[in-house]
Amino acid sequence: MNTPSNSEEFYNKLRGQLYETATWPTEYLYKFIIKSDLAKIDQVEAIFNNMGAVIRTKESKNGKYTSVSINVVMKSPETVIKKYKEVAEKIEGVISL
């Protein structure tokens, strides 16, 4: 699901789903797609720095894009959404899945 950075409707729906489907704190999997640019990948990793996150990256077949998967324990749906917004604000062209 492609998430516009200002889509409060998306975040409200996600918040409801997270409260219904998980007991908090819980491990959460973030997935982002960005153009294959080491600076942008480093920016994503820096946002989750010092959180005990497990971060995996995988380049697309043609090398144009990189997927970044982040497993990290989050305290609440609010903290999950806060990180999505932070990534969207700081990294141009990021696609949140």
PDB file of N, CA and C in Angstrom:
ATOM      1  N   MET A   1       0.847  -1.179   0.000  1.00  0.00           N
ATOM      2  CA  MET A   1       0.000   0.000   0.000  1.00  0.00           C
ATOM      3  C   MET A   1       0.883   1.230   0.000  1.00  0.00           C
ATOM      4  N   ASN A   2       0.729   2.073  -0.966  1.00  0.00           N
ATOM      5  CA  ASN A   2       1.491   3.305  -1.058  1.00  0.00           C
ATOM      6  C   ASN A   2       0.850   4.338  -0.152  1.00  0.00           C
ATOM      7  N   THR A   3       1.648   4.960   0.702  1.00  0.00           N
ATOM      8  CA  THR A   3       1.111   5.864   1.710  1.00  0.00           C
ATOM      9  C   THR A   3       1.554   7.291   1.470  1.00  0.00           C
ATOM     10  N   PRO A   4       0.640   8.182   1.115  1.00  0.00           N
ATOM     11  CA  PRO A   4       1.019   9.592   1.043  1.00  0.00           C
ATOM     12  C   PRO A   4       1.398  10.063   2.439  1.00  0.00           C
ATOM     13  N   SER A   5       2.433  10.895   2.522  1.00  0.00           N
ATOM     14  CA  SER A   5       2.939  11.294   3.831  1.00  0.00           C
ATOM     15  C   SER A   5       1.921  12.086   4.643  1.00  0.00           C
ATOM     16  N   ASN A   6       0.928  12.677   4.007  1.00  0.00           N
ATOM     17  CA  ASN A   6      -0.043  13.492   4.735  1.00  0.00           C
ATOM     18  C   ASN A   6      -1.404  12.819   4.846  1.00  0.00           C
ATOM     19  N   SER A   7      -1.473  11.537   4.650  1.00  0.00           N
ATOM     20  CA  SER A   7      -2.751  10.838   4.629  1.00  0.00           C
ATOM     21  C   SER A   7      -3.207  10.447   6.031  1.00  0.00           C
ATOM     22  N   GLU A   8      -3.873  11.373   6.704  1.00  0.00           N
ATOM     23  CA  GLU A   8      -4.359  11.092   8.055  1.00  0.00           C
ATOM     24  C   GLU A   8      -5.404   9.981   8.050  1.00  0.00           C
ATOM     25  N   GLU A   9      -6.165   9.885   6.970  1.00  0.00           N
ATOM     26  CA  GLU A   9      -7.158   8.807   6.860  1.00  0.00           C
ATOM     27  C   GLU A   9      -6.463   7.445   6.904  1.00  0.00           C
ATOM     28  N   PHE A  10      -5.352   7.320   6.178  1.00  0.00           N
ATOM     29  CA  PHE A  10      -4.588   6.077   6.202  1.00  0.00           C
ATOM     30  C   PHE A  10      -4.096   5.775   7.614  1.00  0.00           C
ATOM     31  N   TYR A  11      -3.527   6.771   8.273  1.00  0.00           N
ATOM     32  CA  TYR A  11      -2.975   6.555   9.611  1.00  0.00           C
ATOM     33  C   TYR A  11      -4.062   6.227  10.631  1.00  0.00           C
ATOM     34  N   ASN A  12      -5.219   6.835  10.504  1.00  0.00           N
ATOM     35  CA  ASN A  12      -6.321   6.519  11.419  1.00  0.00           C
ATOM     36  C   ASN A  12      -6.784   5.070  11.238  1.00  0.00           C
ATOM     37  N   LYS A  13      -6.861   4.627   9.994  1.00  0.00           N
ATOM     38  CA  LYS A  13      -7.255   3.241   9.720  1.00  0.00           C
ATOM     39  C   LYS A  13      -6.196   2.276  10.254  1.00  0.00           C
ATOM     40  N   LEU A  14      -4.933   2.599  10.005  1.00  0.00           N
ATOM     41  CA  LEU A  14      -3.840   1.766  10.497  1.00  0.00           C
ATOM     42  C   LEU A  14      -3.856   1.698  12.020  1.00  0.00           C
ATOM     43  N   ARG A  15      -4.058   2.817  12.666  1.00  0.00           N
ATOM     44  CA  ARG A  15      -4.114   2.864  14.135  1.00  0.00           C
ATOM     45  C   ARG A  15      -5.170   1.894  14.661  1.00  0.00           C
ATOM     46  N   GLY A  16      -6.350   1.916  14.067  1.00  0.00           N
ATOM     47  CA  GLY A  16      -7.424   1.020  14.484  1.00  0.00           C
ATOM     48  C   GLY A  16      -7.053  -0.437  14.287  1.00  0.00           C
ATOM     49  N   GLN A  17      -6.454  -0.749  13.139  1.00  0.00           N
ATOM     50  CA  GLN A  17      -6.053  -2.126  12.860  1.00  0.00           C
ATOM     51  C   GLN A  17      -4.988  -2.601  13.840  1.00  0.00           C
ATOM     52  N   LEU A  18      -4.049  -1.731  14.162  1.00  0.00           N
ATOM     53  CA  LEU A  18      -2.976  -2.114  15.078  1.00  0.00           C
ATOM     54  C   LEU A  18      -3.506  -2.378  16.484  1.00  0.00           C
ATOM     55  N   TYR A  19      -4.443  -1.561  16.934  1.00  0.00           N
ATOM     56  CA  TYR A  19      -5.028  -1.782  18.263  1.00  0.00           C
ATOM     57  C   TYR A  19      -5.809  -3.097  18.303  1.00  0.00           C
ATOM     58  N   GLU A  20      -6.456  -3.454  17.188  1.00  0.00           N
ATOM     59  CA  GLU A  20      -7.277  -4.668  17.145  1.00  0.00           C
ATOM     60  C   GLU A  20      -6.459  -5.945  17.005  1.00  0.00           C
ATOM     61  N   THR A  21      -5.310  -5.872  16.344  1.00  0.00           N
ATOM     62  CA  THR A  21      -4.610  -7.109  15.970  1.00  0.00           C
ATOM     63  C   THR A  21      -3.380  -7.441  16.801  1.00  0.00           C
ATOM     64  N   ALA A  22      -2.992  -6.575  17.713  1.00  0.00           N
ATOM     65  CA  ALA A  22      -1.761  -6.852  18.448  1.00  0.00           C
ATOM     66  C   ALA A  22      -1.889  -6.464  19.913  1.00  0.00           C
ATOM     67  N   THR A  23      -1.085  -7.129  20.739  1.00  0.00           N
ATOM     68  CA  THR A  23      -0.946  -6.773  22.137  1.00  0.00           C
ATOM     69  C   THR A  23       0.360  -5.995  22.255  1.00  0.00           C
ATOM     70  N   TRP A  24       0.289  -4.841  22.860  1.00  0.00           N
ATOM     71  CA  TRP A  24       1.436  -3.929  22.894  1.00  0.00           C
ATOM     72  C   TRP A  24       2.168  -3.993  24.214  1.00  0.00           C
ATOM     73  N   PRO A  25       3.506  -3.861  24.197  1.00  0.00           N
ATOM     74  CA  PRO A  25       4.391  -3.706  23.042  1.00  0.00           C
ATOM     75  C   PRO A  25       4.479  -4.986  22.221  1.00  0.00           C
ATOM     76  N   THR A  26       4.838  -4.830  20.945  1.00  0.00           N
ATOM     77  CA  THR A  26       4.947  -5.967  20.040  1.00  0.00           C
ATOM     78  C   THR A  26       6.018  -5.702  18.987  1.00  0.00           C
ATOM     79  N   GLU A  27       6.479  -6.784  18.348  1.00  0.00           N
ATOM     80  CA  GLU A  27       7.419  -6.625  17.247  1.00  0.00           C
ATOM     81  C   GLU A  27       6.636  -6.219  16.010  1.00  0.00           C
ATOM     82  N   TYR A  28       7.142  -5.221  15.313  1.00  0.00           N
ATOM     83  CA  TYR A  28       6.459  -4.697  14.132  1.00  0.00           C
ATOM     84  C   TYR A  28       7.421  -4.732  12.951  1.00  0.00           C
ATOM     85  N   LEU A  29       6.890  -5.040  11.777  1.00  0.00           N
ATOM     86  CA  LEU A  29       7.693  -5.082  10.555  1.00  0.00           C
ATOM     87  C   LEU A  29       7.335  -3.892   9.673  1.00  0.00           C
ATOM     88  N   TYR A  30       8.302  -3.017   9.480  1.00  0.00           N
ATOM     89  CA  TYR A  30       8.161  -1.901   8.539  1.00  0.00           C
ATOM     90  C   TYR A  30       8.771  -2.341   7.214  1.00  0.00           C
ATOM     91  N   LYS A  31       8.153  -1.888   6.112  1.00  0.00           N
ATOM     92  CA  LYS A  31       8.729  -2.126   4.787  1.00  0.00           C
ATOM     93  C   LYS A  31       8.660  -0.825   4.002  1.00  0.00           C
ATOM     94  N   PHE A  32       9.796  -0.478   3.433  1.00  0.00           N
ATOM     95  CA  PHE A  32       9.894   0.735   2.626  1.00  0.00           C
ATOM     96  C   PHE A  32      10.575   0.399   1.312  1.00  0.00           C
ATOM     97  N   ILE A  33      10.197   1.116   0.260  1.00  0.00           N
ATOM     98  CA  ILE A  33      10.851   1.020  -1.038  1.00  0.00           C
ATOM     99  C   ILE A  33      11.399   2.410  -1.340  1.00  0.00           C
ATOM    100  N   ILE A  34      12.695   2.444  -1.685  1.00  0.00           N
ATOM    101  CA  ILE A  34      13.312   3.717  -2.045  1.00  0.00           C
ATOM    102  C   ILE A  34      14.225   3.506  -3.240  1.00  0.00           C
ATOM    103  N   LYS A  35      14.536   4.599  -3.946  1.00  0.00           N
ATOM    104  CA  LYS A  35      15.509   4.488  -5.037  1.00  0.00           C
ATOM    105  C   LYS A  35      16.825   4.051  -4.426  1.00  0.00           C
ATOM    106  N   SER A  36      17.555   3.234  -5.157  1.00  0.00           N
ATOM    107  CA  SER A  36      18.830   2.710  -4.661  1.00  0.00           C
ATOM    108  C   SER A  36      19.839   3.846  -4.546  1.00  0.00           C
ATOM    109  N   ASP A  37      19.876   4.420  -3.353  1.00  0.00           N
ATOM    110  CA  ASP A  37      20.740   5.547  -3.044  1.00  0.00           C
ATOM    111  C   ASP A  37      21.233   5.318  -1.614  1.00  0.00           C
ATOM    112  N   LEU A  38      22.538   5.089  -1.468  1.00  0.00           N
ATOM    113  CA  LEU A  38      23.079   4.762  -0.150  1.00  0.00           C
ATOM    114  C   LEU A  38      22.756   5.819   0.899  1.00  0.00           C
ATOM    115  N   ALA A  39      22.723   7.080   0.506  1.00  0.00           N
ATOM    116  CA  ALA A  39      22.414   8.144   1.473  1.00  0.00           C
ATOM    117  C   ALA A  39      20.990   7.984   2.008  1.00  0.00           C
ATOM    118  N   LYS A  40      20.048   7.653   1.123  1.00  0.00           N
ATOM    119  CA  LYS A  40      18.659   7.471   1.558  1.00  0.00           C
ATOM    120  C   LYS A  40      18.506   6.223   2.420  1.00  0.00           C
ATOM    121  N   ILE A  41      19.204   5.160   2.054  1.00  0.00           N
ATOM    122  CA  ILE A  41      19.160   3.934   2.863  1.00  0.00           C
ATOM    123  C   ILE A  41      19.721   4.226   4.255  1.00  0.00           C
ATOM    124  N   ASP A  42      20.822   4.968   4.308  1.00  0.00           N
ATOM    125  CA  ASP A  42      21.412   5.346   5.593  1.00  0.00           C
ATOM    126  C   ASP A  42      20.454   6.196   6.418  1.00  0.00           C
ATOM    127  N   GLN A  43      19.695   7.069   5.757  1.00  0.00           N
ATOM    128  CA  GLN A  43      18.716   7.899   6.473  1.00  0.00           C
ATOM    129  C   GLN A  43      17.641   7.029   7.129  1.00  0.00           C
ATOM    130  N   VAL A  44      17.144   6.047   6.392  1.00  0.00           N
ATOM    131  CA  VAL A  44      16.132   5.145   6.950  1.00  0.00           C
ATOM    132  C   VAL A  44      16.710   4.416   8.158  1.00  0.00           C
ATOM    133  N   GLU A  45      17.913   3.879   7.995  1.00  0.00           N
ATOM    134  CA  GLU A  45      18.540   3.151   9.096  1.00  0.00           C
ATOM    135  C   GLU A  45      18.758   4.054  10.303  1.00  0.00           C
ATOM    136  N   ALA A  46      19.137   5.301  10.085  1.00  0.00           N
ATOM    137  CA  ALA A  46      19.380   6.238  11.188  1.00  0.00           C
ATOM    138  C   ALA A  46      18.108   6.515  11.988  1.00  0.00           C
ATOM    139  N   ILE A  47      16.958   6.526  11.334  1.00  0.00           N
ATOM    140  CA  ILE A  47      15.690   6.786  12.019  1.00  0.00           C
ATOM    141  C   ILE A  47      15.391   5.681  13.030  1.00  0.00           C
ATOM    142  N   PHE A  48      15.859   4.473  12.750  1.00  0.00           N
ATOM    143  CA  PHE A  48      15.597   3.340  13.648  1.00  0.00           C
ATOM    144  C   PHE A  48      16.836   2.970  14.483  1.00  0.00           C
ATOM    145  N   ASN A  49      17.846   3.835  14.465  1.00  0.00           N
ATOM    146  CA  ASN A  49      19.081   3.589  15.197  1.00  0.00           C
ATOM    147  C   ASN A  49      18.821   3.536  16.701  1.00  0.00           C
ATOM    148  N   ASN A  50      19.563   2.710  17.402  1.00  0.00           N
ATOM    149  CA  ASN A  50      19.481   2.573  18.867  1.00  0.00           C
ATOM    150  C   ASN A  50      18.126   2.078  19.361  1.00  0.00           C
ATOM    151  N   MET A  51      17.403   1.348  18.521  1.00  0.00           N
ATOM    152  CA  MET A  51      16.104   0.794  18.920  1.00  0.00           C
ATOM    153  C   MET A  51      16.142  -0.731  18.944  1.00  0.00           C
ATOM    154  N   GLY A  52      17.287  -1.321  18.669  1.00  0.00           N
ATOM    155  CA  GLY A  52      17.391  -2.770  18.606  1.00  0.00           C
ATOM    156  C   GLY A  52      16.762  -3.344  17.349  1.00  0.00           C
ATOM    157  N   ALA A  53      16.652  -2.536  16.316  1.00  0.00           N
ATOM    158  CA  ALA A  53      16.000  -2.956  15.074  1.00  0.00           C
ATOM    159  C   ALA A  53      16.900  -3.892  14.267  1.00  0.00           C
ATOM    160  N   VAL A  54      16.259  -4.856  13.610  1.00  0.00           N
ATOM    161  CA  VAL A  54      16.932  -5.715  12.646  1.00  0.00           C
ATOM    162  C   VAL A  54      16.545  -5.185  11.267  1.00  0.00           C
ATOM    163  N   ILE A  55      17.551  -4.729  10.525  1.00  0.00           N
ATOM    164  CA  ILE A  55      17.295  -4.071   9.247  1.00  0.00           C
ATOM    165  C   ILE A  55      17.892  -4.908   8.123  1.00  0.00           C
ATOM    166  N   ARG A  56      17.047  -5.198   7.115  1.00  0.00           N
ATOM    167  CA  ARG A  56      17.491  -5.939   5.933  1.00  0.00           C
ATOM    168  C   ARG A  56      17.191  -5.099   4.693  1.00  0.00           C
ATOM    169  N   THR A  57      18.110  -5.125   3.746  1.00  0.00           N
ATOM    170  CA  THR A  57      17.889  -4.432   2.484  1.00  0.00           C
ATOM    171  C   THR A  57      18.027  -5.425   1.344  1.00  0.00           C
ATOM    172  N   LYS A  58      17.304  -5.137   0.264  1.00  0.00           N
ATOM    173  CA  LYS A  58      17.368  -5.993  -0.922  1.00  0.00           C
ATOM    174  C   LYS A  58      17.148  -5.124  -2.148  1.00  0.00           C
ATOM    175  N   GLU A  59      18.103  -5.179  -3.068  1.00  0.00           N
ATOM    176  CA  GLU A  59      17.972  -4.420  -4.307  1.00  0.00           C
ATOM    177  C   GLU A  59      17.008  -5.106  -5.244  1.00  0.00           C
ATOM    178  N   SER A  60      16.318  -4.303  -6.052  1.00  0.00           N
ATOM    179  CA  SER A  60      15.444  -4.861  -7.075  1.00  0.00           C
ATOM    180  C   SER A  60      16.295  -5.530  -8.149  1.00  0.00           C
ATOM    181  N   LYS A  61      15.647  -6.286  -8.990  1.00  0.00           N
ATOM    182  CA  LYS A  61      16.331  -7.046 -10.036  1.00  0.00           C
ATOM    183  C   LYS A  61      17.219  -6.153 -10.902  1.00  0.00           C
ATOM    184  N   ASN A  62      16.723  -4.981 -11.259  1.00  0.00           N
ATOM    185  CA  ASN A  62      17.498  -4.082 -12.115  1.00  0.00           C
ATOM    186  C   ASN A  62      18.361  -3.098 -11.313  1.00  0.00           C
ATOM    187  N   GLY A  63      18.279  -3.152  -9.986  1.00  0.00           N
ATOM    188  CA  GLY A  63      19.117  -2.307  -9.137  1.00  0.00           C
ATOM    189  C   GLY A  63      18.644  -0.882  -8.965  1.00  0.00           C
ATOM    190  N   LYS A  64      17.488  -0.561  -9.529  1.00  0.00           N
ATOM    191  CA  LYS A  64      16.999   0.816  -9.465  1.00  0.00           C
ATOM    192  C   LYS A  64      16.392   1.150  -8.096  1.00  0.00           C
ATOM    193  N   TYR A  65      15.799   0.163  -7.442  1.00  0.00           N
ATOM    194  CA  TYR A  65      15.145   0.379  -6.152  1.00  0.00           C
ATOM    195  C   TYR A  65      15.696  -0.586  -5.107  1.00  0.00           C
ATOM    196  N   THR A  66      15.546  -0.201  -3.854  1.00  0.00           N
ATOM    197  CA  THR A  66      15.942  -1.046  -2.736  1.00  0.00           C
ATOM    198  C   THR A  66      14.787  -1.142  -1.765  1.00  0.00           C
ATOM    199  N   SER A  67      14.490  -2.362  -1.317  1.00  0.00           N
ATOM    200  CA  SER A  67      13.490  -2.519  -0.263  1.00  0.00           C
ATOM    201  C   SER A  67      14.236  -2.576   1.068  1.00  0.00           C
ATOM    202  N   VAL A  68      13.674  -1.920   2.057  1.00  0.00           N
ATOM    203  CA  VAL A  68      14.253  -1.900   3.392  1.00  0.00           C
ATOM    204  C   VAL A  68      13.202  -2.468   4.339  1.00  0.00           C
ATOM    205  N   SER A  69      13.527  -3.596   4.981  1.00  0.00           N
ATOM    206  CA  SER A  69      12.630  -4.238   5.949  1.00  0.00           C
ATOM    207  C   SER A  69      13.228  -4.048   7.329  1.00  0.00           C
ATOM    208  N   ILE A  70      12.388  -3.607   8.263  1.00  0.00           N
ATOM    209  CA  ILE A  70      12.863  -3.303   9.609  1.00  0.00           C
ATOM    210  C   ILE A  70      11.969  -3.998  10.623  1.00  0.00           C
ATOM    211  N   ASN A  71      12.549  -4.906  11.402  1.00  0.00           N
ATOM    212  CA  ASN A  71      11.835  -5.541  12.507  1.00  0.00           C
ATOM    213  C   ASN A  71      12.278  -4.855  13.791  1.00  0.00           C
ATOM    214  N   VAL A  72      11.306  -4.367  14.550  1.00  0.00           N
ATOM    215  CA  VAL A  72      11.640  -3.657  15.781  1.00  0.00           C
ATOM    216  C   VAL A  72      10.468  -3.743  16.745  1.00  0.00           C
ATOM    217  N   VAL A  73      10.765  -3.822  18.029  1.00  0.00           N
ATOM    218  CA  VAL A  73       9.713  -3.838  19.040  1.00  0.00           C
ATOM    219  C   VAL A  73       9.234  -2.405  19.251  1.00  0.00           C
ATOM    220  N   MET A  74       7.933  -2.221  19.097  1.00  0.00           N
ATOM    221  CA  MET A  74       7.333  -0.893  19.273  1.00  0.00           C
ATOM    222  C   MET A  74       6.388  -0.929  20.468  1.00  0.00           C
ATOM    223  N   LYS A  75       6.265   0.215  21.146  1.00  0.00           N
ATOM    224  CA  LYS A  75       5.481   0.283  22.385  1.00  0.00           C
ATOM    225  C   LYS A  75       3.980   0.377  22.160  1.00  0.00           C
ATOM    226  N   SER A  76       3.573   1.020  21.055  1.00  0.00           N
ATOM    227  CA  SER A  76       2.145   1.245  20.816  1.00  0.00           C
ATOM    228  C   SER A  76       1.904   1.575  19.350  1.00  0.00           C
ATOM    229  N   PRO A  77       0.633   1.529  18.915  1.00  0.00           N
ATOM    230  CA  PRO A  77       0.316   1.967  17.559  1.00  0.00           C
ATOM    231  C   PRO A  77       0.767   3.408  17.290  1.00  0.00           C
ATOM    232  N   GLU A  78       0.709   4.246  18.311  1.00  0.00           N
ATOM    233  CA  GLU A  78       1.120   5.643  18.133  1.00  0.00           C
ATOM    234  C   GLU A  78       2.604   5.743  17.775  1.00  0.00           C
ATOM    235  N   THR A  79       3.440   4.901  18.407  1.00  0.00           N
ATOM    236  CA  THR A  79       4.867   4.944  18.097  1.00  0.00           C
ATOM    237  C   THR A  79       5.140   4.392  16.699  1.00  0.00           C
ATOM    238  N   VAL A  80       4.352   3.415  16.265  1.00  0.00           N
ATOM    239  CA  VAL A  80       4.477   2.876  14.908  1.00  0.00           C
ATOM    240  C   VAL A  80       4.197   3.983  13.898  1.00  0.00           C
ATOM    241  N   ILE A  81       3.103   4.683  14.083  1.00  0.00           N
ATOM    242  CA  ILE A  81       2.692   5.737  13.155  1.00  0.00           C
ATOM    243  C   ILE A  81       3.684   6.895  13.172  1.00  0.00           C
ATOM    244  N   LYS A  82       4.200   7.218  14.340  1.00  0.00           N
ATOM    245  CA  LYS A  82       5.184   8.302  14.457  1.00  0.00           C
ATOM    246  C   LYS A  82       6.404   8.011  13.582  1.00  0.00           C
ATOM    247  N   LYS A  83       6.863   6.763  13.576  1.00  0.00           N
ATOM    248  CA  LYS A  83       8.024   6.396  12.756  1.00  0.00           C
ATOM    249  C   LYS A  83       7.690   6.460  11.260  1.00  0.00           C
ATOM    250  N   TYR A  84       6.485   6.004  10.866  1.00  0.00           N
ATOM    251  CA  TYR A  84       6.087   6.121   9.459  1.00  0.00           C
ATOM    252  C   TYR A  84       6.133   7.583   9.023  1.00  0.00           C
ATOM    253  N   LYS A  85       5.589   8.457   9.851  1.00  0.00           N
ATOM    254  CA  LYS A  85       5.561   9.887   9.508  1.00  0.00           C
ATOM    255  C   LYS A  85       6.969  10.467   9.442  1.00  0.00           C
ATOM    256  N   GLU A  86       7.824  10.060  10.368  1.00  0.00           N
ATOM    257  CA  GLU A  86       9.197  10.560  10.377  1.00  0.00           C
ATOM    258  C   GLU A  86       9.930  10.161   9.095  1.00  0.00           C
ATOM    259  N   VAL A  87       9.772   8.909   8.690  1.00  0.00           N
ATOM    260  CA  VAL A  87      10.404   8.449   7.449  1.00  0.00           C
ATOM    261  C   VAL A  87       9.859   9.231   6.258  1.00  0.00           C
ATOM    262  N   ALA A  88       8.541   9.399   6.194  1.00  0.00           N
ATOM    263  CA  ALA A  88       7.917  10.106   5.066  1.00  0.00           C
ATOM    264  C   ALA A  88       8.375  11.561   4.999  1.00  0.00           C
ATOM    265  N   GLU A  89       8.569  12.195   6.152  1.00  0.00           N
ATOM    266  CA  GLU A  89       8.985  13.600   6.189  1.00  0.00           C
ATOM    267  C   GLU A  89      10.458  13.775   5.803  1.00  0.00           C
ATOM    268  N   LYS A  90      11.294  12.828   6.193  1.00  0.00           N
ATOM    269  CA  LYS A  90      12.735  13.003   6.019  1.00  0.00           C
ATOM    270  C   LYS A  90      13.290  12.446   4.715  1.00  0.00           C
ATOM    271  N   ILE A  91      12.578  11.513   4.087  1.00  0.00           N
ATOM    272  CA  ILE A  91      13.133  10.832   2.920  1.00  0.00           C
ATOM    273  C   ILE A  91      12.222  11.024   1.722  1.00  0.00           C
ATOM    274  N   GLU A  92      12.702  11.781   0.789  1.00  0.00           N
ATOM    275  CA  GLU A  92      11.921  12.089  -0.408  1.00  0.00           C
ATOM    276  C   GLU A  92      11.734  10.847  -1.267  1.00  0.00           C
ATOM    277  N   GLY A  93      10.498  10.627  -1.704  1.00  0.00           N
ATOM    278  CA  GLY A  93      10.203   9.549  -2.651  1.00  0.00           C
ATOM    279  C   GLY A  93      10.058   8.167  -2.024  1.00  0.00           C
ATOM    280  N   VAL A  94      10.033   8.089  -0.704  1.00  0.00           N
ATOM    281  CA  VAL A  94       9.900   6.784  -0.049  1.00  0.00           C
ATOM    282  C   VAL A  94       8.481   6.243  -0.220  1.00  0.00           C
ATOM    283  N   ILE A  95       8.364   4.938  -0.400  1.00  0.00           N
ATOM    284  CA  ILE A  95       7.069   4.278  -0.477  1.00  0.00           C
ATOM    285  C   ILE A  95       6.969   3.375   0.747  1.00  0.00           C
ATOM    286  N   SER A  96       5.929   3.577   1.542  1.00  0.00           N
ATOM    287  CA  SER A  96       5.696   2.749   2.723  1.00  0.00           C
ATOM    288  C   SER A  96       4.755   1.623   2.356  1.00  0.00           C
ATOM    289  N   LEU A  97       5.094   0.411   2.769  1.00  0.00           N
ATOM    290  CA  LEU A  97       4.237  -0.739   2.483  1.00  0.00           C
ATOM    291  C   LEU A  97       3.658  -1.273   3.767  1.00  0.00           C
TER     292      LEU A  97
END
